[in-house]
C-alpha cells in the first residue's frame, strides 16, 4: 500500500517512522512519503494524490481544504468538519485525532468523567478535543484569545463552556491545544505556575520538544505530565486501521506504542 502525509511543511514529520513501525509490527506492507505542498499549489495538486496514493493523511493547514474533493465524510470528521485521513479506495474522509487523544488519556490513566478540565485553544485540535472530552462526561472550560472561536465551540457542544480569561482554579487537568511551545514559540508556556500548580495533570498536544515549557512548569509543581507523542502515534494507528480496513484494538495500540517508545530510546 502506498501512503503519504500531506501538509504545508511536513519535512520534520514523524508520521513515516510511525506508520512504518505499525505496519511492520502488524504484518502489513506499505511505503509512506512526506509531501509538502505550498498553499497556492494545493488546489491544483490534490487531484493527482488520489491516483498516486492508496490513502493519505492530511495535516496543517489542509484538514478543511480537502473536504470538497471527497465523496464522503465519515464519523468524527463530519462532527469536527475536519479531515486528517483519506482512504483512496472510496475517497472517504475520516478524523482520528479525537480517538487518538482519548486513547492517550485512557492509557495514561487520566479519567475525565465528571471532572473539570481547562482546555487552551479552540482551533481544529481544540475543537476535536473539546467534543471528545464532553462526550466522556467532562466539564470542559475552553479558552482562546480569539474569544469568538471559544464561544463557537460552546454554542455547538452544550457541555463545553467558553471563558474569556483564565483564572487560577483547581482544574483536574489542563490541556494545551494552542501550539504555543513549539517552533518559534519554543520555551514559552501559555500558562504560568499559578494555574498549573492547582491541577493534577498537564497534557500538551505538542510532541517536539518532548518536554515543553508548559510541561516543565507543571512537572516542577509536582504534577503528572503527558506530551503529545502518544496522541500522534494513536491517531496514526487508527488511520492505518482505516487504510487496511481492520478493526481497532486499544490494547494492541498501547502495546505497539510502548514498543515504539522503547525503540526510540
Protein backbone atom coordinates (compact mmCIF):
# COMPACT_ATOMS: atom_id res chain seq x y z
CA UNK A 1 0.00 0.00 0.00
CA UNK A 2 1.31 3.42 -0.93
CA UNK A 3 0.56 6.15 1.62
CA UNK A 4 1.66 9.71 2.38
CA UNK A 5 1.25 12.68 4.70
CA UNK A 6 0.36 15.94 3.01
CA UNK A 7 0.76 19.38 4.55
CA UNK A 8 2.29 22.78 4.02
CA UNK A 9 5.60 21.66 5.54
CA UNK A 10 5.94 18.04 6.65
CA UNK A 11 9.73 17.89 6.35
CA UNK A 12 10.09 17.08 10.06
CA UNK A 13 7.04 14.83 10.36
CA UNK A 14 7.37 11.62 12.39
CA UNK A 15 4.45 10.05 10.52
CA UNK A 16 6.56 7.94 8.11
CA UNK A 17 8.54 6.45 11.00
CA UNK A 18 5.39 5.72 13.00
CA UNK A 19 3.39 4.23 10.11
CA UNK A 20 6.33 2.08 9.03
CA UNK A 21 6.69 0.76 12.58
CA UNK A 22 2.97 -0.01 12.95
CA UNK A 23 2.82 -1.75 9.56
CA UNK A 24 5.87 -3.94 10.19
CA UNK A 25 4.62 -4.83 13.66
CA UNK A 26 1.20 -5.75 12.24
CA UNK A 27 2.46 -7.79 9.28
CA UNK A 28 1.44 -5.21 6.68
CA UNK A 29 3.46 -3.71 3.85
CA UNK A 30 3.49 -0.05 2.87
CA UNK A 31 5.52 2.90 1.69
CA UNK A 32 4.87 6.25 3.34
CA UNK A 33 6.04 9.54 1.86
CA UNK A 34 6.20 13.13 3.10
CA UNK A 35 4.63 15.59 0.66
CA UNK A 36 4.95 19.32 1.37
CA UNK A 37 2.60 21.44 -0.73
CA UNK A 38 2.63 25.29 -0.77
CA UNK A 39 -0.80 26.76 -0.09
CA UNK A 40 -1.04 28.34 -3.55
CA UNK A 41 -0.49 24.91 -5.15
CA UNK A 42 -2.87 22.77 -3.10
CA UNK A 43 -5.94 23.01 -5.34
CA UNK A 44 -4.04 22.15 -8.50
CA UNK A 45 -2.09 19.31 -6.84
CA UNK A 46 -4.70 17.47 -4.81
CA UNK A 47 -6.38 15.51 -7.63
CA UNK A 48 -3.17 13.70 -8.54
CA UNK A 49 -2.77 12.41 -4.98
CA UNK A 50 -5.91 10.28 -5.33
CA UNK A 51 -4.34 8.48 -8.27
CA UNK A 52 -0.87 8.24 -6.78
CA UNK A 53 -1.64 7.01 -3.27
CA UNK A 54 -3.89 4.31 -1.78
CA UNK A 55 -4.54 6.71 1.10
CA UNK A 56 -3.02 9.73 2.77
CA UNK A 57 -3.04 11.73 5.96
CA UNK A 58 -3.71 15.45 5.87
CA UNK A 59 -2.19 17.95 8.25
CA UNK A 60 -1.92 21.71 8.74
CA UNK A 61 -3.38 23.67 7.02
CA UNK A 62 -5.38 21.36 4.71
CA UNK A 63 -7.76 19.49 7.01
CA UNK A 64 -10.64 21.65 5.78
CA UNK A 65 -9.39 22.27 2.23
CA UNK A 66 -9.52 18.56 1.39
CA UNK A 67 -13.25 18.15 2.07
CA UNK A 68 -14.63 19.38 -1.32
CA UNK A 69 -12.55 16.69 -3.07
CA UNK A 70 -14.04 13.79 -1.08
CA UNK A 71 -17.02 11.59 -1.94
CA UNK A 72 -17.99 11.20 1.72
CA UNK A 73 -17.01 12.48 5.16
CA UNK A 74 -17.44 9.93 7.94
CA UNK A 75 -17.85 9.86 11.73
CA UNK A 76 -15.77 12.33 13.70
CA UNK A 77 -14.68 14.08 10.51
CA UNK A 78 -18.29 15.06 9.90
CA UNK A 79 -18.73 16.22 13.50
CA UNK A 80 -15.48 18.20 13.58
CA UNK A 81 -15.68 19.47 10.00
CA UNK A 82 -12.04 18.42 9.70
CA UNK A 83 -10.32 15.50 7.95
CA UNK A 84 -6.90 14.01 8.75
CA UNK A 85 -7.23 10.64 6.99
CA UNK A 86 -8.31 9.95 3.40
CA UNK A 87 -8.94 6.42 2.13
CA UNK A 88 -8.28 6.30 -1.59
CA UNK A 89 -10.45 3.30 -2.45
CA UNK A 90 -13.67 5.24 -1.83
CA UNK A 91 -12.35 8.83 -1.47
CA UNK A 92 -13.74 8.95 2.07
CA UNK A 93 -12.56 11.39 4.74
CA UNK A 94 -12.06 10.49 8.40
CA UNK A 95 -10.68 12.11 11.53
CA UNK A 96 -8.68 10.05 14.01
CA UNK A 97 -7.37 12.94 16.15
CA UNK A 98 -10.10 12.70 18.77
CA UNK A 99 -9.79 8.93 19.04
CA UNK A 100 -6.01 9.25 19.39
CA UNK A 101 -6.38 11.89 22.09
CA UNK A 102 -8.81 9.86 24.18
CA UNK A 103 -6.73 6.71 23.91
CA UNK A 104 -3.73 8.74 25.08
CA UNK A 105 -5.68 9.79 28.16
CA UNK A 106 -7.08 6.31 28.83
CA UNK A 107 -3.72 4.60 28.51
CA UNK A 108 -2.14 7.34 30.60
CA UNK A 109 -4.57 6.66 33.45
CA UNK A 110 -6.36 10.01 33.06
CA UNK A 111 -10.08 9.59 33.75
CA UNK A 112 -12.03 12.73 32.85
CA UNK A 113 -15.64 11.74 33.57
CA UNK A 114 -17.24 14.28 35.91
CA UNK A 115 -14.03 16.31 36.13
CA UNK A 116 -13.39 20.00 35.43
CA UNK A 117 -10.98 20.36 32.52
CA UNK A 118 -9.34 23.56 31.27
CA UNK A 119 -8.69 23.45 27.53
CA UNK A 120 -6.42 26.05 25.96
CA UNK A 121 -7.04 26.58 22.25
CA UNK A 122 -10.22 26.49 20.17
CA UNK A 123 -8.71 25.72 16.78
CA UNK A 124 -9.09 22.43 14.90
CA UNK A 125 -7.29 20.34 17.52
CA UNK A 126 -9.05 22.10 20.40
CA UNK A 127 -12.43 21.57 18.81
CA UNK A 128 -11.95 17.81 18.45
CA UNK A 129 -10.55 17.53 21.97
CA UNK A 130 -13.45 19.54 23.45
CA UNK A 131 -16.05 17.31 21.81
CA UNK A 132 -14.38 14.08 22.92
CA UNK A 133 -13.94 15.32 26.50
CA UNK A 134 -17.58 16.38 26.64
CA UNK A 135 -18.69 13.01 25.26
CA UNK A 136 -16.70 11.36 28.06
CA UNK A 137 -18.62 13.32 30.69
CA UNK A 138 -16.05 16.01 31.49
CA UNK A 139 -16.94 19.61 32.33
CA UNK A 140 -14.88 21.47 29.73
CA UNK A 141 -13.86 25.12 30.00
CA UNK A 142 -12.24 26.35 26.81
CA UNK A 143 -10.13 29.48 26.49
CA UNK A 144 -8.80 31.06 23.33
CA UNK A 145 -7.51 34.60 22.85
CA UNK A 146 -9.88 34.62 19.87
CA UNK A 147 -12.91 34.65 22.15
CA UNK A 148 -15.38 34.15 19.32
CA UNK A 149 -13.82 30.77 18.46
CA UNK A 150 -14.21 29.51 22.02
CA UNK A 151 -17.82 30.74 22.05
CA UNK A 152 -18.48 28.95 18.77
CA UNK A 153 -17.44 25.63 20.33
CA UNK A 154 -19.59 26.23 23.40
CA UNK A 155 -22.60 27.01 21.21
CA UNK A 156 -22.12 23.80 19.23
CA UNK A 157 -21.35 21.50 22.15
CA UNK A 158 -23.55 22.34 25.19
CA UNK A 159 -21.26 20.57 27.69
CA UNK A 160 -18.44 22.99 26.80
CA UNK A 161 -18.25 26.47 28.36
CA UNK A 162 -16.24 29.32 26.87
CA UNK A 163 -14.26 31.51 29.27
CA UNK A 164 -12.85 34.92 28.42
CA UNK A 165 -9.91 34.77 30.81
CA UNK A 166 -8.04 32.07 32.72
CA UNK A 167 -8.33 32.39 36.50
CA UNK A 168 -6.35 30.04 38.75
CA UNK A 169 -8.73 27.28 39.80
CA UNK A 170 -8.27 23.61 40.80
CA UNK A 171 -8.95 22.02 37.40
CA UNK A 172 -8.29 18.29 37.32
CA UNK A 173 -6.43 18.60 34.03
CA UNK A 174 -5.10 21.47 31.93
CA UNK A 175 -4.68 20.71 28.22
CA UNK A 176 -2.61 22.81 25.83
CA UNK A 177 -4.00 22.65 22.30
CA UNK A 178 -2.64 26.05 21.23
CA UNK A 179 0.67 25.00 19.64
CA UNK A 180 2.45 27.50 21.89
CA UNK A 181 5.73 25.92 22.94
CA UNK A 182 6.99 24.60 19.60
CA UNK A 183 8.81 26.05 16.62
CA UNK A 184 9.14 29.85 17.00
CA UNK A 185 7.45 29.77 20.43
CA UNK A 186 9.66 27.05 21.94
CA UNK A 187 10.49 27.91 25.53
CA UNK A 188 7.20 29.79 26.02
CA UNK A 189 4.24 28.48 28.04
CA UNK A 190 0.64 29.57 27.54
CA UNK A 191 0.13 29.39 31.32
CA UNK A 192 2.17 30.07 34.42
CA UNK A 193 2.70 28.31 37.71
CA UNK A 194 -0.27 29.98 39.40
CA UNK A 195 -2.74 27.84 37.43
CA UNK A 196 -0.63 24.73 36.77
CA UNK A 197 0.18 24.36 40.48
CA UNK A 198 -3.52 23.72 41.15
CA UNK A 199 -4.14 20.95 38.59
CA UNK A 200 -3.50 17.22 38.87
CA UNK A 201 -2.45 16.57 35.28
CA UNK A 202 -0.96 18.71 32.49
CA UNK A 203 -1.36 17.48 28.92
CA UNK A 204 0.38 19.07 25.93
CA UNK A 205 -0.56 18.07 22.39
CA UNK A 206 2.96 19.13 21.35
CA UNK A 207 5.37 16.21 20.98
CA UNK A 208 8.50 18.13 19.99
CA UNK A 209 10.15 19.27 22.20
CA UNK A 210 9.45 16.24 24.37
CA UNK A 211 9.08 18.48 27.42
CA UNK A 212 7.63 21.86 26.53
CA UNK A 213 7.91 24.82 28.89
CA UNK A 214 4.25 24.21 29.79
CA UNK A 215 5.07 20.66 30.90
CA UNK A 216 8.33 21.73 32.56
CA UNK A 217 6.47 24.20 34.78
CA UNK A 218 3.81 21.62 35.66
CA UNK A 219 6.39 18.97 36.46
CA UNK A 220 8.22 21.45 38.66
CA UNK A 221 4.97 21.78 40.62
CA UNK A 222 4.88 18.02 41.12
CA UNK A 223 2.15 17.37 38.56
CA UNK A 224 1.73 14.40 36.25
CA UNK A 225 2.61 15.38 32.69
CA UNK A 226 1.77 13.87 29.27
CA UNK A 227 3.17 15.06 25.95
CA UNK A 228 1.55 14.60 22.54
CA UNK A 229 3.65 11.75 21.15
CA UNK A 230 1.12 9.12 22.25
CA UNK A 231 -1.71 11.03 20.53
CA UNK A 232 0.32 11.25 17.32
CA UNK A 233 1.01 7.52 17.46
CA UNK A 234 -2.55 6.51 18.27
CA UNK A 235 -4.14 8.69 15.60
CA UNK A 236 -1.73 7.05 13.13
CA UNK A 237 -2.75 3.61 14.43
CA UNK A 238 -6.44 4.40 13.90
CA UNK A 239 -5.67 5.83 10.45
CA UNK A 240 -3.85 2.65 9.47
CA UNK A 241 -6.83 0.59 10.61
CA UNK A 242 -8.92 2.65 8.17
CA UNK A 243 -6.40 2.23 5.34
CA UNK A 244 -6.25 -1.55 5.81
CA UNK A 245 -9.95 -1.88 6.73
CA UNK A 246 -9.24 -3.68 10.01
CA UNK A 247 -10.84 -3.32 13.47
CA UNK A 248 -9.03 -1.15 16.01
CA UNK A 249 -7.84 -2.55 19.34
CA UNK A 250 -6.86 -0.07 22.05
CA UNK A 251 -4.78 -2.63 23.96
CA UNK A 252 -2.87 -3.50 20.80
CA UNK A 253 -2.27 0.18 20.10
CA UNK A 254 -0.81 0.66 23.58
CA UNK A 255 1.43 -2.40 23.21
CA UNK A 256 2.77 -1.06 19.92
CA UNK A 257 3.33 2.42 21.34
CA UNK A 258 5.28 1.03 24.29
CA UNK A 259 7.50 -0.88 21.83
CA UNK A 260 7.88 2.23 19.67
CA UNK A 261 8.97 4.35 22.63
CA UNK A 262 11.41 1.70 23.78
CA UNK A 263 12.96 1.55 20.32
CA UNK A 264 13.49 5.33 20.22
CA UNK A 265 15.48 5.45 23.50
